[in-house]
Amino acid sequence: MKYALLDRGDRLSRALSEEFRALAALKGFTPNESDPDIVVSIGGDGTLLQAFHRFKYQLDQVAFIGVHTGHLGFYADWKKDELSELVDIMATSEPRKIQYPLLQVEITSSAGKSIHLALNEFSLKSVDGTLVAALHINDEPFETFRGDGIVISTPSGSTGYNKSLGGAVIHPSLEALQIAEMASINNRVYRTLGSSVILPKHHHCDIIPDQEVKLLIGIDHQVMRMTGVSSITCKVAESKITFARHRPFPFWNRVREAFIDAN
């Protein structure tokens, strides 16, 4: 088995990385940072986001495993004291392959077109204050947004930024995207729907901002400043991320542990 290993960079994560490499060598695993079968992330959900973006052009051939150095996350199945058990089970059994949908973001600007993939979400804000942008759904005008910004999330990302904005939590087996508003302005002059909108696969939304406005565009943890943007198209991506699951940890259990359980 060929594996790539990424860690958060803190002392504990680096120590766990060294421990994993030693255990993996005993099982005959081969480190391969350019063409792996398995990508192991040690740190937290943010570390796995970085791993995803590093290998997003190899999604058809890699699966991801997350080891959390704190509490279990939405993408990390294994705890810091379970490395030996993880390596043993990787060596002796085939995992269940679980796939989550991704978001495709196509940005058209004066510099041309660029296409991005997001595991969690896309966000759009204005550098200088209120964002004003037309929102179209399936090429039909829907609303003109005025407010702090717009967040479009994947189902697995619905528990993050989207949830803090009052959006729904969506199971990752559903191929959909969710549009949530950040502090929209609603009065007698300016009106938006005011609630999140969920679009299925094969639907898309277009955001059309003022091309003169300086924008802050977020793709997961990556942030870009752009001007001259004429349109942004978001839809469910054709590609998916694959997780290698060696034991069950249902999504709703993750939600309960993250937001409801006190312990």
Protein backbone atom coordinates (compact mmCIF):
# COMPACT_ATOMS: atom_id res chain seq x y z
CA MET A 1 0.00 0.00 0.00
CA LYS A 2 1.30 3.45 -0.96
CA TYR A 3 0.47 6.26 1.45
CA ALA A 4 0.99 10.00 1.81
CA LEU A 5 1.04 11.60 5.23
CA LEU A 6 0.22 15.18 6.19
CA ASP A 7 0.16 16.63 9.69
CA ARG A 8 -0.78 19.94 11.26
CA GLY A 9 2.81 20.83 12.07
CA ASP A 10 2.55 21.14 15.85
CA ARG A 11 4.73 19.04 18.17
CA LEU A 12 2.08 16.39 18.89
CA SER A 13 1.09 15.95 15.25
CA ARG A 14 4.71 15.63 14.15
CA ALA A 15 5.35 13.01 16.84
CA LEU A 16 2.27 11.07 15.73
CA SER A 17 3.47 11.25 12.13
CA GLU A 18 6.78 9.67 13.10
CA GLU A 19 4.94 6.98 15.05
CA PHE A 20 2.67 6.25 12.07
CA ARG A 21 5.66 5.97 9.70
CA ALA A 22 7.39 3.50 12.02
CA LEU A 23 4.26 1.37 12.40
CA ALA A 24 3.54 1.51 8.67
CA ALA A 25 7.09 0.37 7.82
CA LEU A 26 6.59 -2.74 9.96
CA LYS A 27 3.53 -3.60 7.86
CA GLY A 28 5.29 -3.04 4.56
CA PHE A 29 3.50 0.18 3.62
CA THR A 30 5.37 2.41 1.18
CA PRO A 31 5.49 6.20 1.62
CA ASN A 32 4.67 7.95 -1.65
CA GLU A 33 3.89 11.67 -1.57
CA SER A 34 3.11 12.00 -5.28
CA ASP A 35 1.07 8.92 -6.18
CA PRO A 36 -0.51 7.44 -3.03
CA ASP A 37 -3.43 5.05 -2.60
CA ILE A 38 -4.25 6.41 0.86
CA VAL A 39 -3.80 9.93 2.23
CA VAL A 40 -3.51 10.03 6.03
CA SER A 41 -4.18 13.36 7.72
CA ILE A 42 -3.04 13.91 11.32
CA GLY A 43 -4.30 17.00 13.12
CA GLY A 44 -7.91 18.03 12.65
CA ASP A 45 -10.54 18.74 10.04
CA GLY A 46 -8.51 21.74 8.87
CA THR A 47 -5.55 19.47 8.19
CA LEU A 48 -7.73 17.17 6.14
CA LEU A 49 -8.98 20.18 4.14
CA GLN A 50 -5.35 20.93 3.30
CA ALA A 51 -4.81 17.30 2.32
CA PHE A 52 -7.86 17.43 0.07
CA HIS A 53 -6.61 20.51 -1.76
CA ARG A 54 -3.18 18.98 -2.18
CA PHE A 55 -4.60 15.84 -3.84
CA LYS A 56 -7.80 17.25 -5.40
CA TYR A 57 -6.58 16.39 -8.89
CA GLN A 58 -6.14 12.71 -7.91
CA LEU A 59 -9.54 12.08 -6.36
CA ASP A 60 -10.26 9.13 -8.63
CA GLN A 61 -7.33 7.19 -7.18
CA VAL A 62 -6.94 8.22 -3.53
CA ALA A 63 -8.93 7.73 -0.34
CA PHE A 64 -8.54 9.78 2.83
CA ILE A 65 -8.20 8.79 6.49
CA GLY A 66 -8.22 11.37 9.28
CA VAL A 67 -6.56 11.10 12.69
CA HIS A 68 -7.68 13.79 15.14
CA THR A 69 -5.32 15.08 17.80
CA GLY A 70 -8.24 16.49 19.82
CA HIS A 71 -11.89 15.49 19.66
CA LEU A 72 -13.22 13.45 16.76
CA GLY A 73 -14.16 15.66 13.84
CA PHE A 74 -16.47 15.40 10.86
CA TYR A 75 -13.66 14.09 8.68
CA ALA A 76 -11.38 12.43 11.23
CA ASP A 77 -12.40 8.96 12.44
CA TRP A 78 -9.41 8.04 14.60
CA LYS A 79 -8.01 9.40 17.86
CA LYS A 80 -4.37 10.14 18.62
CA ASP A 81 -3.98 7.04 20.83
CA GLU A 82 -5.36 4.66 18.18
CA LEU A 83 -2.54 4.71 15.62
CA SER A 84 -1.45 1.11 16.29
CA GLU A 85 -5.03 -0.14 15.89
CA LEU A 86 -5.45 1.91 12.71
CA VAL A 87 -2.29 0.57 11.06
CA ASP A 88 -3.16 -3.01 12.03
CA ILE A 89 -6.64 -2.78 10.54
CA MET A 90 -5.32 -1.05 7.40
CA ALA A 91 -2.97 -4.00 6.91
CA THR A 92 -5.54 -6.74 7.49
CA SER A 93 -8.88 -5.57 6.09
CA GLU A 94 -10.39 -3.70 3.19
CA PRO A 95 -12.10 -0.45 4.15
CA ARG A 96 -15.59 0.63 3.25
CA LYS A 97 -15.27 3.42 0.70
CA ILE A 98 -17.56 6.37 1.49
CA GLN A 99 -17.93 9.23 -0.99
CA TYR A 100 -19.01 12.80 -0.22
CA PRO A 101 -20.13 15.36 -2.83
CA LEU A 102 -18.05 18.43 -3.60
CA LEU A 103 -18.79 21.95 -4.81
CA GLN A 104 -17.53 23.22 -8.16
CA VAL A 105 -16.97 26.97 -8.43
CA GLU A 106 -16.31 28.58 -11.81
CA ILE A 107 -15.11 32.19 -11.62
CA THR A 108 -15.22 34.35 -14.74
CA SER A 109 -13.21 37.57 -14.55
CA SER A 110 -11.22 39.94 -16.72
CA ALA A 111 -8.30 37.53 -16.29
CA GLY A 112 -10.27 34.60 -17.73
CA LYS A 113 -11.99 31.57 -16.22
CA SER A 114 -10.86 29.45 -13.30
CA ILE A 115 -12.47 26.35 -11.80
CA HIS A 116 -12.15 25.39 -8.15
CA LEU A 117 -13.32 22.51 -5.96
CA ALA A 118 -14.48 22.97 -2.37
CA LEU A 119 -14.95 20.27 0.25
CA ASN A 120 -16.70 22.56 2.76
CA GLU A 121 -17.83 25.82 1.20
CA PHE A 122 -17.41 28.82 -1.04
CA SER A 123 -17.83 32.28 0.47
CA LEU A 124 -18.14 35.71 -1.12
CA LYS A 125 -17.71 39.11 0.56
CA SER A 126 -16.89 42.64 -0.47
CA VAL A 127 -13.57 44.06 0.73
CA ASP A 128 -15.05 47.51 1.28
CA GLY A 129 -18.37 46.75 2.99
CA THR A 130 -21.78 45.69 1.75
CA LEU A 131 -21.86 43.11 -1.01
CA VAL A 132 -24.36 43.75 -3.81
CA ALA A 133 -24.84 40.92 -6.30
CA ALA A 134 -27.56 39.44 -8.49
CA LEU A 135 -28.35 35.79 -7.81
CA HIS A 136 -29.70 33.60 -10.61
CA ILE A 137 -30.87 30.00 -10.24
CA ASN A 138 -30.82 27.84 -13.36
CA ASP A 139 -30.29 30.96 -15.48
CA GLU A 140 -33.41 32.66 -14.10
CA PRO A 141 -33.15 35.82 -11.94
CA PHE A 142 -33.93 34.97 -8.32
CA GLU A 143 -32.96 37.95 -6.17
CA THR A 144 -30.56 40.84 -5.74
CA PHE A 145 -28.55 40.29 -2.59
CA ARG A 146 -27.38 43.11 -0.35
CA GLY A 147 -25.57 42.29 2.86
CA ASP A 148 -22.33 41.00 4.34
CA GLY A 149 -21.90 38.06 1.99
CA ILE A 150 -23.00 34.71 0.60
CA VAL A 151 -21.91 31.21 1.62
CA ILE A 152 -22.51 28.15 -0.58
CA SER A 153 -21.77 24.87 1.15
CA THR A 154 -21.57 21.16 0.47
CA PRO A 155 -23.60 18.74 2.62
CA SER A 156 -20.52 17.79 4.66
CA GLY A 157 -19.68 21.49 4.98
CA SER A 158 -23.21 22.32 6.12
CA THR A 159 -22.14 21.80 9.74
CA GLY A 160 -19.60 24.64 9.52
CA TYR A 161 -19.96 28.24 8.32
CA ASN A 162 -23.40 27.44 6.90
CA LYS A 163 -24.78 26.24 10.25
CA SER A 164 -23.54 29.38 12.01
CA LEU A 165 -25.67 31.36 9.54
CA GLY A 166 -28.81 29.37 10.37
CA GLY A 167 -28.57 26.96 7.43
CA ALA A 168 -29.76 23.37 7.55
CA VAL A 169 -27.51 20.39 8.32
CA ILE A 170 -27.62 18.05 5.30
CA HIS A 171 -26.55 14.41 5.20
CA PRO A 172 -23.57 13.93 2.84
CA SER A 173 -25.34 11.15 0.95
CA LEU A 174 -27.47 13.87 -0.67
CA GLU A 175 -25.88 15.46 -3.71
CA ALA A 176 -26.82 19.08 -3.17
CA LEU A 177 -25.51 22.55 -2.43
CA GLN A 178 -26.87 25.09 0.03
CA ILE A 179 -26.95 28.88 -0.33
CA ALA A 180 -26.94 30.86 2.92
CA GLU A 181 -27.04 34.63 3.41
CA MET A 182 -24.73 36.59 5.68
CA ALA A 183 -26.65 39.48 7.31
CA SER A 184 -28.84 40.32 4.31
CA ILE A 185 -30.50 43.74 4.20
CA ASN A 186 -34.28 43.38 4.16
CA ASN A 187 -36.60 46.39 4.20
CA ARG A 188 -39.24 47.99 1.98
CA VAL A 189 -36.64 48.73 -0.67
CA TYR A 190 -34.34 45.71 -0.57
CA ARG A 191 -35.71 42.18 -0.27
CA THR A 192 -34.14 38.71 -0.27
CA LEU A 193 -35.63 35.34 0.59
CA GLY A 194 -33.94 35.53 3.98
CA SER A 195 -33.53 31.78 4.42
CA SER A 196 -31.14 29.21 3.03
CA VAL A 197 -31.85 27.58 -0.33
CA ILE A 198 -30.96 23.97 -1.16
CA LEU A 199 -30.32 23.03 -4.79
CA PRO A 200 -30.06 19.44 -6.06
CA LYS A 201 -27.49 18.10 -8.45
CA HIS A 202 -27.85 19.34 -12.03
CA HIS A 203 -29.09 22.72 -10.75
CA HIS A 204 -26.73 25.65 -10.56
CA CYS A 205 -26.63 29.21 -9.31
CA ASP A 206 -24.89 32.24 -10.76
CA ILE A 207 -23.70 35.18 -8.67
CA ILE A 208 -23.19 38.36 -10.66
CA PRO A 209 -21.38 41.10 -8.70
CA ASP A 210 -20.38 44.62 -9.71
CA GLN A 211 -17.16 44.14 -11.69
CA GLU A 212 -15.61 47.21 -10.06
CA VAL A 213 -15.96 45.84 -6.55
CA LYS A 214 -13.01 44.26 -4.73
CA LEU A 215 -14.10 40.80 -3.62
CA LEU A 216 -12.95 38.37 -0.96
CA ILE A 217 -13.47 34.86 -2.30
CA GLY A 218 -13.08 31.89 0.01
CA ILE A 219 -12.62 28.30 -1.17
CA ASP A 220 -12.57 26.33 2.09
CA HIS A 221 -9.56 27.71 4.02
CA GLN A 222 -8.10 29.52 1.00
CA VAL A 223 -8.94 33.21 0.50
CA MET A 224 -8.39 35.26 -2.66
CA ARG A 225 -8.83 38.97 -3.38
CA MET A 226 -10.21 39.58 -6.86
CA THR A 227 -11.53 42.41 -8.99
CA GLY A 228 -13.11 42.36 -12.42
CA VAL A 229 -15.29 39.35 -11.58
CA SER A 230 -18.26 39.20 -13.95
CA SER A 231 -19.88 35.96 -12.71
CA ILE A 232 -19.46 33.03 -10.35
CA THR A 233 -21.21 29.73 -11.12
CA CYS A 234 -21.66 27.11 -8.40
CA LYS A 235 -22.92 23.56 -8.81
CA VAL A 236 -22.43 20.07 -7.43
CA ALA A 237 -19.15 18.76 -8.84
CA GLU A 238 -18.95 15.57 -10.88
CA SER A 239 -16.01 14.35 -8.79
CA LYS A 240 -16.29 13.27 -5.14
CA ILE A 241 -13.95 12.78 -2.22
CA THR A 242 -13.51 9.21 -0.96
CA PHE A 243 -12.96 8.30 2.68
CA ALA A 244 -11.62 4.90 3.75
CA ARG A 245 -13.75 3.77 6.68
CA HIS A 246 -12.51 0.84 8.72
CA ARG A 247 -15.24 1.15 11.34
CA PRO A 248 -18.71 2.73 11.44
CA PHE A 249 -19.11 6.29 12.66
CA PRO A 250 -22.46 7.54 11.31
CA PHE A 251 -22.80 11.17 10.28
CA TRP A 252 -25.61 11.87 12.74
CA ASN A 253 -23.45 10.50 15.58
CA ARG A 254 -20.82 13.05 14.55
CA VAL A 255 -23.43 15.82 14.59
CA ARG A 256 -24.69 14.77 18.01
CA GLU A 257 -21.21 14.62 19.50
CA ALA A 258 -20.23 17.97 18.00
CA PHE A 259 -23.28 20.01 18.93
CA ILE A 260 -25.48 18.20 21.47
CA ASP A 261 -23.55 15.87 23.80
CA ALA A 262 -22.09 17.66 26.80
CA ASN A 263 -19.32 15.11 27.39
